[in-house]
């Protein structure tokens, strides 16, 4: 064996080539690089936490048929801020950087695990598309830093094994070849994973979290997750998910709520799930202005509430469906609320809830028709298509309008209905149904009308005017109120919404009014005489 116990250089390079195993205790090049090559293994010869190799100009380690660092313990190294690491072995590569960032040129384990750890970050030293780290499995740990950077992800190829990655700061990893099989990737900050020529999949086939971070970004040329094995994630601290796949997407949020800033499955199905717990807050939210799109069917399943915010959109493929399921499987006592403030585009849409007293809030500037089992929504914008939503397990529907003049039609619905028309001049149509009732004390009136365009006078002031759009429309005769229990918005005669007024409209006396505005012939003669007299008086004053 080549036993290196105290090899040092203060002037430059240290290079050692051995046919035997190299056992390292202390090798140091304070200004240059260290290059060690063995036909067998290069291993740590002691258990000391002190660095085995110091190469301020960089470190190169090559084992032709053995390992670099054994499976029971790695080589501890220190490189300068500009130094880089190159290591290759037939077996395991296990290296720990004790100070500074670990700048990786290339690290390859042909048949084993490439295991790298650093106190600082582990980053790509060469800006190219080749794999920086290759192994059957890859394990990366950064105690105080991150993995890769946003502008230069760490390129890796993990063969048939899986990734296990931990970092305090953001993680940016790109799988260069084939599928990225995830064992566990976790960061105290954001995580960005890219599979350039494959899928991002669960590498352990269990139900535990595979990717956790404050924000998670996933991009794959093929699929993310699998139809029989979702990729489990944890978006911590109110973080967001964004995902783009060339085929399909199957993702489950395991802990708390899932907020989405955009998910796309170009040609296949898309399923986003939020696991249910015994506590509330297992919600799904699509952020305002963001989108979910798929070439196939779309399924959104939440343990509690589902919210599609205003300006957001969910679009399934041609002839495909959208299925929204809330409060599944209802492990907590609270019912769910499904809020649809954005748009849904699909051949068929269903909303299902399994909770106690679940509510659907449909927020749309347009017309809404609620039947016994369906809700039809037609946006006010010209040319907008009607979307029909099939409902199941919903106890109450709240219909909310917008700025336009909206129409709400219902009556066959067997549950509770609430209507908030918004700011427009709205119409409510109640279809004939013997089961339809307004519960005493449950009705609520809105003092809106047409706002500043419509003005009346208080208390049925006899002779007082009514105005519409700034013009007199009528003259009041009397006012009457039956109180707030019967529709008056404010108690007393005060021109609030819900009062009765007797008035005489001006249009029925239009002929009389117009005739009164035309002077009699005698009046014209007197006006002309007066004007002539004023003219003579003005002439005398000028003379």
Protein backbone atom coordinates (compact mmCIF):
# COMPACT_ATOMS: atom_id res chain seq x y z
CA UNK A 1 0.00 0.00 0.00
CA UNK A 2 0.98 3.60 -0.55
CA UNK A 3 0.63 5.21 2.86
CA UNK A 4 0.63 9.03 2.68
CA UNK A 5 1.03 10.32 6.21
CA UNK A 6 2.72 13.66 5.79
CA UNK A 7 3.13 14.77 2.19
CA UNK A 8 3.24 18.49 1.61
CA UNK A 9 4.30 21.16 -0.87
CA UNK A 10 4.37 24.92 -0.54
CA UNK A 11 5.53 25.53 -4.08
CA UNK A 12 3.06 23.77 -6.37
CA UNK A 13 1.68 20.44 -7.56
CA UNK A 14 1.66 17.13 -5.72
CA UNK A 15 1.14 14.15 -8.09
CA UNK A 16 1.27 10.50 -6.98
CA UNK A 17 0.49 7.42 -9.11
CA UNK A 18 0.36 3.97 -7.50
CA UNK A 19 -0.55 0.44 -8.58
CA UNK A 20 -1.42 -0.28 -4.95
CA UNK A 21 -4.18 1.20 -2.79
CA UNK A 22 -3.43 4.70 -1.53
CA UNK A 23 -4.13 5.32 2.13
CA UNK A 24 -4.24 9.01 2.98
CA UNK A 25 -3.50 10.58 6.34
CA UNK A 26 -2.32 14.04 5.30
CA UNK A 27 -1.46 15.44 1.87
CA UNK A 28 -1.22 19.20 1.45
CA UNK A 29 -0.42 21.56 -1.43
CA UNK A 30 -0.78 25.03 0.00
CA UNK A 31 -0.51 26.82 -3.37
CA UNK A 32 -1.05 24.15 -6.00
CA UNK A 33 -3.15 21.12 -6.84
CA UNK A 34 -3.11 17.53 -5.58
CA UNK A 35 -3.41 14.62 -8.03
CA UNK A 36 -3.65 11.05 -6.74
CA UNK A 37 -4.12 8.00 -8.98
CA UNK A 38 -4.39 4.38 -7.92
CA UNK A 39 -5.11 1.16 -9.78
CA UNK A 40 -7.08 0.23 -6.68
CA UNK A 41 -8.70 2.43 -3.99
CA UNK A 42 -7.89 5.81 -2.47
CA UNK A 43 -9.11 5.83 1.10
CA UNK A 44 -8.95 7.71 4.41
CA UNK A 45 -6.39 6.02 6.63
CA UNK A 46 -7.56 7.55 9.91
CA UNK A 47 -10.71 8.63 11.73
CA UNK A 48 -9.56 12.19 12.39
CA UNK A 49 -11.93 15.03 11.35
CA UNK A 50 -8.88 16.96 10.04
CA UNK A 51 -8.55 17.24 6.25
CA UNK A 52 -6.94 14.29 4.52
CA UNK A 53 -6.13 16.30 1.40
CA UNK A 54 -5.53 20.05 1.02
CA UNK A 55 -5.17 21.24 -2.55
CA UNK A 56 -5.72 24.96 -2.79
CA UNK A 57 -5.37 24.83 -6.58
CA UNK A 58 -7.74 21.88 -6.92
CA UNK A 59 -7.89 18.13 -6.34
CA UNK A 60 -7.92 15.21 -8.80
CA UNK A 61 -8.53 11.65 -7.58
CA UNK A 62 -8.69 8.56 -9.81
CA UNK A 63 -9.25 4.94 -8.83
CA UNK A 64 -9.18 2.52 -11.77
CA UNK A 65 -10.81 -0.50 -10.14
CA UNK A 66 -11.57 0.54 -6.56
CA UNK A 67 -13.22 3.38 -4.67
CA UNK A 68 -12.41 6.94 -3.63
CA UNK A 69 -13.31 6.96 0.02
CA UNK A 70 -14.84 3.73 1.33
CA UNK A 71 -18.50 3.05 2.02
CA UNK A 72 -17.83 3.49 5.75
CA UNK A 73 -16.14 6.89 5.56
CA UNK A 74 -15.15 9.52 3.03
CA UNK A 75 -12.11 11.59 2.27
CA UNK A 76 -12.09 15.02 3.91
CA UNK A 77 -10.67 17.74 1.67
CA UNK A 78 -10.11 21.48 1.47
CA UNK A 79 -9.79 23.37 -1.81
CA UNK A 80 -9.22 27.04 -2.42
CA UNK A 81 -12.03 29.31 -3.58
CA UNK A 82 -11.00 28.86 -7.22
CA UNK A 83 -10.00 25.20 -7.02
CA UNK A 84 -12.17 22.45 -8.50
CA UNK A 85 -12.73 18.75 -7.86
CA UNK A 86 -12.28 15.89 -10.30
CA UNK A 87 -12.80 12.34 -9.05
CA UNK A 88 -13.53 9.00 -10.69
CA UNK A 89 -13.80 5.44 -9.44
CA UNK A 90 -15.24 2.10 -10.40
CA UNK A 91 -16.85 1.92 -6.96
CA UNK A 92 -18.05 4.47 -4.45
CA UNK A 93 -16.89 8.09 -4.43
CA UNK A 94 -17.25 9.69 -1.00
CA UNK A 95 -15.75 13.14 -0.51
CA UNK A 96 -16.41 15.88 2.04
CA UNK A 97 -15.32 19.50 1.56
CA UNK A 98 -14.60 20.97 5.01
CA UNK A 99 -14.35 24.65 4.02
CA UNK A 100 -15.38 26.90 1.14
CA UNK A 101 -17.70 25.81 -1.64
CA UNK A 102 -17.16 22.51 -3.41
CA UNK A 103 -16.62 23.41 -7.07
CA UNK A 104 -17.21 20.24 -9.11
CA UNK A 105 -15.56 19.70 -12.47
CA UNK A 106 -16.57 16.03 -12.72
CA UNK A 107 -17.21 13.28 -10.19
CA UNK A 108 -18.02 9.77 -11.45
CA UNK A 109 -18.82 6.50 -9.72
CA UNK A 110 -19.28 3.82 -12.37
CA UNK A 111 -20.95 1.12 -10.28
CA UNK A 112 -21.62 2.76 -6.91
CA UNK A 113 -22.79 5.92 -5.19
CA UNK A 114 -21.38 9.39 -5.75
CA UNK A 115 -21.60 10.94 -2.29
CA UNK A 116 -20.51 14.58 -1.91
CA UNK A 117 -20.90 16.88 1.07
CA UNK A 118 -19.74 20.41 1.83
CA UNK A 119 -20.10 23.02 4.53
CA UNK A 120 -20.65 25.57 1.77
CA UNK A 121 -22.39 25.05 -1.56
CA UNK A 122 -21.82 22.31 -4.12
CA UNK A 123 -21.66 24.03 -7.50
CA UNK A 124 -20.74 23.46 -11.14
CA UNK A 125 -17.17 24.60 -11.81
CA UNK A 126 -17.47 24.33 -15.62
CA UNK A 127 -20.35 25.93 -17.48
CA UNK A 128 -21.16 23.10 -19.89
CA UNK A 129 -23.96 20.57 -20.43
CA UNK A 130 -21.94 17.50 -19.41
CA UNK A 131 -22.77 15.73 -16.16
CA UNK A 132 -20.89 17.17 -13.19
CA UNK A 133 -21.81 14.21 -10.95
CA UNK A 134 -22.45 10.66 -12.16
CA UNK A 135 -23.35 7.62 -10.09
CA UNK A 136 -25.73 4.73 -9.88
CA UNK A 137 -27.10 6.78 -6.98
CA UNK A 138 -26.20 10.33 -6.02
CA UNK A 139 -26.09 11.79 -2.51
CA UNK A 140 -25.42 15.51 -2.01
CA UNK A 141 -25.33 17.42 1.27
CA UNK A 142 -24.69 21.13 1.87
CA UNK A 143 -24.69 22.15 5.53
CA UNK A 144 -24.89 25.92 5.11
CA UNK A 145 -25.12 26.45 1.35
CA UNK A 146 -27.06 25.26 -1.68
CA UNK A 147 -26.72 22.89 -4.60
CA UNK A 148 -26.07 24.51 -7.98
CA UNK A 149 -27.29 28.01 -8.83
CA UNK A 150 -30.25 29.42 -10.74
CA UNK A 151 -28.01 30.32 -13.69
CA UNK A 152 -25.93 27.15 -13.55
CA UNK A 153 -27.70 24.07 -12.12
CA UNK A 154 -25.60 21.14 -11.01
CA UNK A 155 -25.78 18.66 -13.90
CA UNK A 156 -26.08 15.06 -12.78
CA UNK A 157 -26.73 11.53 -14.07
CA UNK A 158 -27.98 9.08 -11.48
CA UNK A 159 -28.18 5.88 -13.54
CA UNK A 160 -30.65 3.36 -12.13
CA UNK A 161 -30.39 4.60 -8.53
CA UNK A 162 -31.88 7.65 -6.90
CA UNK A 163 -31.12 11.17 -5.69
CA UNK A 164 -30.79 11.99 -2.00
CA UNK A 165 -30.09 15.70 -1.53
CA UNK A 166 -30.15 18.03 1.49
CA UNK A 167 -29.28 21.74 1.58
CA UNK A 168 -29.95 24.80 3.71
CA UNK A 169 -30.13 27.09 0.67
CA UNK A 170 -31.81 26.64 -2.75
CA UNK A 171 -31.29 23.49 -4.79
CA UNK A 172 -30.90 23.52 -8.59
CA UNK A 173 -30.27 20.13 -10.21
CA UNK A 174 -30.56 19.02 -13.82
CA UNK A 175 -30.71 15.33 -14.76
CA UNK A 176 -28.85 15.03 -18.07
CA UNK A 177 -29.84 11.52 -19.18
CA UNK A 178 -32.95 9.46 -18.52
CA UNK A 179 -35.26 9.66 -15.52
CA UNK A 180 -34.56 11.53 -12.31
CA UNK A 181 -35.45 9.06 -9.56
CA UNK A 182 -36.00 10.92 -6.33
CA UNK A 183 -35.28 9.34 -2.96
CA UNK A 184 -35.47 12.56 -0.93
CA UNK A 185 -34.58 16.10 -1.96
CA UNK A 186 -35.07 18.75 0.70
CA UNK A 187 -34.09 22.39 1.14
CA UNK A 188 -34.80 25.11 3.66
CA UNK A 189 -35.40 27.33 0.62
CA UNK A 190 -36.56 26.60 -2.94
CA UNK A 191 -36.03 23.47 -5.04
CA UNK A 192 -35.74 23.40 -8.85
CA UNK A 193 -35.43 20.03 -10.62
CA UNK A 194 -35.12 19.42 -14.35
CA UNK A 195 -35.13 16.12 -16.26
CA UNK A 196 -33.79 17.07 -19.69
CA UNK A 197 -34.47 13.75 -21.40
CA UNK A 198 -36.81 11.83 -19.12
CA UNK A 199 -39.22 11.91 -16.20
CA UNK A 200 -39.08 12.98 -12.55
CA UNK A 201 -40.40 10.05 -10.56
CA UNK A 202 -40.67 8.56 -7.08
CA UNK A 203 -37.47 6.58 -6.56
CA UNK A 204 -38.62 4.61 -3.51
CA UNK A 205 -42.25 3.70 -4.36
CA UNK A 206 -43.52 4.66 -0.91
CA UNK A 207 -45.86 7.39 0.38
CA UNK A 208 -43.28 9.61 2.09
CA UNK A 209 -42.33 13.12 0.94
CA UNK A 210 -39.81 13.09 -1.91
CA UNK A 211 -39.31 16.84 -2.55
CA UNK A 212 -39.63 19.57 0.07
CA UNK A 213 -38.88 23.29 -0.16
CA UNK A 214 -40.48 26.69 0.22
CA UNK A 215 -41.10 26.80 -3.53
CA UNK A 216 -40.85 23.80 -5.84
CA UNK A 217 -40.25 23.94 -9.59
CA UNK A 218 -40.34 20.71 -11.62
CA UNK A 219 -39.62 20.39 -15.34
CA UNK A 220 -39.48 17.15 -17.31
CA UNK A 221 -39.40 16.35 -21.00
CA UNK A 222 -41.55 13.30 -20.22
CA UNK A 223 -43.69 12.79 -17.09
CA UNK A 224 -43.71 14.02 -13.50
CA UNK A 225 -44.83 11.21 -11.22
CA UNK A 226 -46.76 8.19 -12.48
CA UNK A 227 -50.45 7.31 -12.63
CA UNK A 228 -49.96 4.59 -9.99
CA UNK A 229 -47.31 6.45 -7.94
CA UNK A 230 -47.58 10.22 -7.45
CA UNK A 231 -44.49 12.30 -6.74
CA UNK A 232 -45.02 13.39 -3.12
CA UNK A 233 -44.00 16.95 -2.22
CA UNK A 234 -44.11 19.42 0.67
CA UNK A 235 -44.29 23.12 -0.24
CA UNK A 236 -43.28 24.55 3.09
CA UNK A 237 -44.24 27.88 4.65
CA UNK A 238 -46.85 28.92 2.11
CA UNK A 239 -44.60 28.11 -0.84
CA UNK A 240 -45.77 27.47 -4.40
CA UNK A 241 -45.60 24.68 -6.96
CA UNK A 242 -44.86 25.12 -10.64
CA UNK A 243 -44.50 22.10 -12.91
CA UNK A 244 -44.13 21.48 -16.64
CA UNK A 245 -44.16 18.04 -18.24
CA UNK A 246 -43.97 16.87 -21.83
CA UNK A 247 -46.55 14.14 -21.13
CA UNK A 248 -48.40 13.76 -17.79
CA UNK A 249 -48.31 15.09 -14.21
CA UNK A 250 -49.20 13.23 -11.00
CA UNK A 251 -48.26 15.14 -7.82
CA UNK A 252 -49.47 14.94 -4.21
CA UNK A 253 -48.92 17.59 -1.53
CA UNK A 254 -48.42 15.62 1.68
CA UNK A 255 -48.37 18.33 4.38
CA UNK A 256 -50.78 21.26 4.56
CA UNK A 257 -52.01 23.37 1.66
CA UNK A 258 -50.87 23.36 -1.97
CA UNK A 259 -50.68 26.69 -3.81
CA UNK A 260 -50.05 26.48 -7.54
CA UNK A 261 -48.52 29.10 -9.83
CA UNK A 262 -48.76 26.99 -12.96
CA UNK A 263 -48.84 23.32 -13.99
CA UNK A 264 -48.82 21.94 -17.52
CA UNK A 265 -49.04 18.39 -18.89
CA UNK A 266 -48.59 18.82 -22.63
CA UNK A 267 -50.05 15.58 -23.98
CA UNK A 268 -51.31 13.53 -21.03
CA UNK A 269 -53.43 13.55 -17.91
CA UNK A 270 -52.86 15.84 -14.94
CA UNK A 271 -53.66 15.04 -11.32
CA UNK A 272 -52.91 17.34 -8.37
CA UNK A 273 -53.79 16.08 -4.91
CA UNK A 274 -53.64 17.42 -1.35
CA UNK A 275 -53.52 14.71 1.31
CA UNK A 276 -56.19 14.89 4.02
CA UNK A 277 -55.32 15.03 7.74
CA UNK A 278 -57.37 15.25 10.93
CA UNK A 279 -56.74 19.03 10.96
CA UNK A 280 -58.13 21.67 8.62
CA UNK A 281 -56.00 23.55 6.07
CA UNK A 282 -55.38 20.77 3.55
CA UNK A 283 -56.44 23.15 0.79
CA UNK A 284 -55.76 23.53 -2.92
CA UNK A 285 -55.33 27.04 -4.38
CA UNK A 286 -54.63 28.10 -7.96
CA UNK A 287 -53.21 31.62 -7.73
CA UNK A 288 -54.86 34.56 -9.48
CA UNK A 289 -53.81 34.91 -13.11
CA UNK A 290 -52.13 31.48 -13.19
CA UNK A 291 -53.10 28.39 -15.18
CA UNK A 292 -53.37 24.62 -15.20
CA UNK A 293 -53.40 22.99 -18.63
CA UNK A 294 -53.33 19.41 -19.89
CA UNK A 295 -53.66 17.50 -23.13
CA UNK A 296 -55.76 14.95 -21.24
CA UNK A 297 -58.12 14.91 -18.26
CA UNK A 298 -57.51 17.08 -15.20
CA UNK A 299 -58.20 15.99 -11.61
CA UNK A 300 -57.88 18.28 -8.59
CA UNK A 301 -58.36 16.57 -5.23
CA UNK A 302 -58.07 18.30 -1.85
CA UNK A 303 -58.40 17.13 1.73
CA UNK A 304 -60.33 20.32 2.49
CA UNK A 305 -61.08 23.39 0.35
CA UNK A 306 -60.48 24.10 -3.34
CA UNK A 307 -60.05 27.65 -4.68
CA UNK A 308 -59.61 28.75 -8.29
CA UNK A 309 -58.84 32.45 -7.83
CA UNK A 310 -60.05 35.29 -10.06
CA UNK A 311 -58.19 35.43 -13.36
CA UNK A 312 -56.93 31.84 -13.03
CA UNK A 313 -57.79 29.18 -15.60
CA UNK A 314 -58.03 25.39 -15.77
CA UNK A 315 -58.05 23.95 -19.30
CA UNK A 316 -58.31 20.27 -20.23
CA UNK A 317 -57.58 18.75 -23.63
CA UNK A 318 -60.08 18.55 -26.46
CA UNK A 319 -62.95 16.28 -25.45
CA UNK A 320 -61.44 15.80 -21.97
CA UNK A 321 -62.78 16.52 -18.48
CA UNK A 322 -62.07 18.46 -15.30
CA UNK A 323 -62.93 16.78 -11.99
CA UNK A 324 -62.69 18.80 -8.75
CA UNK A 325 -63.07 16.91 -5.48
CA UNK A 326 -63.03 18.55 -2.03
CA UNK A 327 -62.91 17.21 1.52
CA UNK A 328 -61.54 13.85 0.47
CA UNK A 329 -61.74 11.62 2.47
CA UNK A 330 -63.21 13.93 5.17
CA UNK A 331 -61.09 13.06 8.20
CA UNK A 332 -61.82 16.37 9.96
CA UNK A 333 -65.29 17.54 11.13
CA UNK A 334 -65.46 20.63 8.91
CA UNK A 335 -67.15 20.74 5.54
CA UNK A 336 -65.38 22.04 2.45
CA UNK A 337 -65.71 25.21 0.39
CA UNK A 338 -65.11 25.10 -3.36
CA UNK A 339 -64.56 28.58 -4.80
CA UNK A 340 -64.70 29.01 -8.57
CA UNK A 341 -63.66 32.57 -9.39
CA UNK A 342 -61.57 31.70 -12.44
CA UNK A 343 -62.44 29.89 -15.67
CA UNK A 344 -62.86 26.17 -16.38
CA UNK A 345 -62.62 24.83 -19.94
CA UNK A 346 -63.39 21.17 -20.67
CA UNK A 347 -65.92 18.94 -22.37
CA UNK A 348 -67.25 18.01 -18.93
CA UNK A 349 -66.72 19.49 -15.47
CA UNK A 350 -67.69 17.93 -12.15
CA UNK A 351 -67.45 19.29 -8.59
CA UNK A 352 -67.78 16.76 -5.78
CA UNK A 353 -67.61 17.18 -2.01
CA UNK A 354 -67.74 14.55 0.71
CA UNK A 355 -67.86 16.82 3.76
CA UNK A 356 -70.53 18.05 6.10
CA UNK A 357 -72.45 21.00 4.68
CA UNK A 358 -69.99 21.72 1.90
CA UNK A 359 -70.42 24.98 -0.05
CA UNK A 360 -69.79 25.96 -3.66
CA UNK A 361 -69.02 29.63 -4.33
CA UNK A 362 -69.42 30.49 -8.01
CA UNK A 363 -68.00 33.94 -8.71
CA UNK A 364 -68.70 35.05 -12.28
CA UNK A 365 -69.42 38.28 -14.09
CA UNK A 366 -72.14 36.76 -16.25
CA UNK A 367 -75.28 34.64 -16.11
CA UNK A 368 -75.65 31.59 -13.87
CA UNK A 369 -78.36 28.92 -13.94
CA UNK A 370 -78.62 26.43 -11.06
CA UNK A 371 -80.71 23.27 -11.51
CA UNK A 372 -81.10 20.23 -9.28
CA UNK A 373 -77.69 18.79 -10.24
CA UNK A 374 -75.92 21.31 -12.47
CA UNK A 375 -74.63 24.86 -12.58
CA UNK A 376 -74.35 26.61 -15.95
CA UNK A 377 -72.03 29.63 -16.16
CA UNK A 378 -71.95 32.03 -19.11
CA UNK A 379 -69.45 34.92 -18.86
CA UNK A 380 -70.74 38.38 -19.77
CA UNK A 381 -68.04 38.90 -22.40
CA UNK A 382 -69.40 38.67 -25.94
CA UNK A 383 -68.92 35.28 -27.54
CA UNK A 384 -68.14 33.45 -24.29
CA UNK A 385 -69.09 29.78 -24.15
CA UNK A 386 -71.36 28.34 -21.47
CA UNK A 387 -69.69 25.95 -19.04
CA UNK A 388 -71.90 23.31 -17.40
CA UNK A 389 -70.73 21.94 -14.05
CA UNK A 390 -72.22 18.77 -12.57
CA UNK A 391 -72.53 18.96 -8.77
CA UNK A 392 -72.46 16.21 -6.16
CA UNK A 393 -72.34 16.35 -2.36
CA UNK A 394 -72.83 20.15 -2.25
CA UNK A 395 -75.22 21.48 0.41
CA UNK A 396 -75.11 25.20 -0.39
CA UNK A 397 -74.40 27.25 -3.50
CA UNK A 398 -73.41 30.93 -3.30
CA UNK A 399 -73.84 32.70 -6.63
CA UNK A 400 -71.76 35.89 -6.94
CA UNK A 401 -71.95 38.33 -9.84
CA UNK A 402 -69.68 41.06 -11.15
CA UNK A 403 -69.76 44.54 -12.64
CA UNK A 404 -72.10 43.71 -15.53
CA UNK A 405 -75.87 43.23 -15.38
CA UNK A 406 -76.07 39.57 -14.36
CA UNK A 407 -78.95 37.10 -14.31
CA UNK A 408 -79.31 34.35 -11.70
CA UNK A 409 -81.81 31.54 -12.27
CA UNK A 410 -82.58 28.76 -9.82
CA UNK A 411 -85.44 26.92 -8.14
CA UNK A 412 -84.89 23.21 -8.71
CA UNK A 413 -81.88 23.15 -6.39
CA UNK A 414 -82.72 21.26 -3.17
CA UNK A 415 -80.09 22.92 -0.98
CA UNK A 416 -79.44 26.49 0.14
CA UNK A 417 -78.83 29.26 -2.38
CA UNK A 418 -77.28 32.66 -1.72
CA UNK A 419 -77.12 35.41 -4.36
CA UNK A 420 -74.81 38.44 -4.37
CA UNK A 421 -75.29 40.32 -7.60
CA UNK A 422 -72.23 42.54 -7.40
CA UNK A 423 -72.33 46.11 -8.70
CA UNK A 424 -74.46 45.64 -11.83
CA UNK A 425 -78.24 45.89 -12.33
CA UNK A 426 -79.03 42.23 -11.76
CA UNK A 427 -82.02 39.92 -12.19
CA UNK A 428 -82.98 36.89 -10.09
CA UNK A 429 -85.33 34.33 -11.66
CA UNK A 430 -86.83 31.65 -9.44
CA UNK A 431 -88.29 28.80 -11.47
CA UNK A 432 -91.51 27.09 -10.39
CA UNK A 433 -90.83 24.37 -7.85
CA UNK A 434 -93.12 23.24 -5.01
CA UNK A 435 -90.10 22.56 -2.79
CA UNK A 436 -88.73 26.10 -3.11
CA UNK A 437 -89.13 28.30 -0.01
CA UNK A 438 -87.51 31.36 1.49
CA UNK A 439 -86.82 30.56 5.11
CA UNK A 440 -88.14 33.23 7.55
CA UNK A 441 -85.39 35.66 8.49
CA UNK A 442 -82.91 34.09 6.03
CA UNK A 443 -83.42 36.51 3.14
CA UNK A 444 -81.06 39.44 2.78
CA UNK A 445 -81.64 42.53 0.67
CA UNK A 446 -79.01 44.70 -0.94
CA UNK A 447 -79.44 48.47 -1.09
CA UNK A 448 -77.95 48.84 -4.54
CA UNK A 449 -80.38 49.43 -7.43
CA UNK A 450 -78.58 51.48 -10.08
CA UNK A 451 -76.61 53.54 -7.58
CA UNK A 452 -76.12 57.25 -8.27
CA UNK A 453 -78.23 56.98 -11.43
CA UNK A 454 -81.37 56.38 -9.37
CA UNK A 455 -82.57 58.89 -6.73
CA UNK A 456 -85.83 59.15 -4.79
CA UNK A 457 -87.04 61.41 -1.97
CA UNK A 458 -87.45 60.46 1.67
CA UNK A 459 -90.62 59.39 3.40
CA UNK A 460 -92.97 59.61 0.47
CA UNK A 461 -92.65 63.38 0.46
CA UNK A 462 -95.78 64.35 -1.47
CA UNK A 463 -94.79 66.30 -4.56
CA UNK A 464 -91.12 65.37 -4.24
CA UNK A 465 -89.29 64.32 -7.40
CA UNK A 466 -87.78 61.01 -8.48
CA UNK A 467 -84.66 61.14 -10.64
CA UNK A 468 -83.11 58.66 -13.08
CA UNK A 469 -79.83 59.63 -14.72
CA UNK A 470 -80.21 63.19 -13.51
CA UNK A 471 -83.67 63.74 -15.00
CA UNK A 472 -87.04 63.91 -13.27
CA UNK A 473 -88.85 60.64 -13.86
CA UNK A 474 -91.80 61.02 -11.54
CA UNK A 475 -93.46 62.82 -8.63
CA UNK A 476 -94.03 61.02 -5.33
CA UNK A 477 -97.53 60.65 -3.90
CA UNK A 478 -96.86 58.53 -0.77
CA UNK A 479 -94.35 56.13 0.84
CA UNK A 480 -94.91 52.87 2.74
CA UNK A 481 -92.68 50.45 4.68
CA UNK A 482 -93.54 47.04 6.17
CA UNK A 483 -90.21 46.85 8.04
CA UNK A 484 -86.95 44.97 7.57
CA UNK A 485 -88.60 41.56 7.96
CA UNK A 486 -90.44 42.21 4.70
CA UNK A 487 -87.66 43.64 2.59
CA UNK A 488 -86.98 47.20 3.78
CA UNK A 489 -83.24 47.61 3.96
CA UNK A 490 -83.42 50.32 6.66
CA UNK A 491 -86.20 50.76 9.19
CA UNK A 492 -88.53 53.71 8.57
CA UNK A 493 -89.40 55.84 5.56
CA UNK A 494 -86.01 56.92 4.29
CA UNK A 495 -85.95 55.94 0.60
CA UNK A 496 -83.98 52.76 1.30
CA UNK A 497 -84.29 49.70 -0.90
CA UNK A 498 -87.45 47.70 -0.17
CA UNK A 499 -89.86 50.56 0.53
CA UNK A 500 -93.07 51.05 -1.44
CA UNK A 501 -93.69 54.38 -3.15
CA UNK A 502 -96.70 55.70 -4.94
CA UNK A 503 -95.67 58.10 -7.70
CA UNK A 504 -96.92 59.69 -10.86
CA UNK A 505 -94.49 59.14 -13.76
CA UNK A 506 -93.81 62.21 -15.85
CA UNK A 507 -94.07 60.42 -19.17
CA UNK A 508 -97.86 60.03 -18.92
CA UNK A 509 -98.14 63.85 -18.86
CA UNK A 510 -95.59 64.45 -21.63
CA UNK A 511 -98.11 66.19 -23.93
CA UNK A 512 -99.20 68.58 -21.18
CA UNK A 513 -95.60 69.40 -20.20
CA UNK A 514 -94.48 69.97 -23.78
CA UNK A 515 -97.51 72.15 -24.50
CA UNK A 516 -96.81 74.28 -21.42
CA UNK A 517 -93.31 74.93 -22.69
CA UNK A 518 -94.63 76.48 -26.01
CA UNK A 519 -95.65 80.24 -25.57
CA UNK A 520 -99.05 81.50 -26.70
CA UNK A 521 -99.16 83.96 -29.74
CA UNK A 522 -99.95 86.88 -27.43
CA UNK A 523 -96.91 86.08 -25.39
CA UNK A 524 -94.72 86.27 -28.50
CA UNK A 525 -96.17 89.80 -29.30
CA UNK A 526 -95.42 91.10 -25.84
CA UNK A 527 -91.86 89.70 -26.03
CA UNK A 528 -91.23 91.47 -29.36
CA UNK A 529 -92.61 94.80 -28.07
CA UNK A 530 -90.41 94.60 -25.03
CA UNK A 531 -87.31 93.91 -27.10
CA UNK A 532 -88.10 96.86 -29.41
CA UNK A 533 -88.48 99.22 -26.44
CA UNK A 534 -85.12 98.11 -25.03
CA UNK A 535 -83.54 98.82 -28.40
CA UNK A 536 -84.86 102.45 -28.53
CA UNK A 537 -83.68 103.12 -25.01
CA UNK A 538 -80.18 101.87 -25.84
CA UNK A 539 -80.06 104.13 -28.97
CA UNK A 540 -81.01 107.26 -26.99
CA UNK A 541 -78.23 106.62 -24.47
CA UNK A 542 -75.61 106.42 -27.27
CA UNK A 543 -76.84 109.76 -28.72
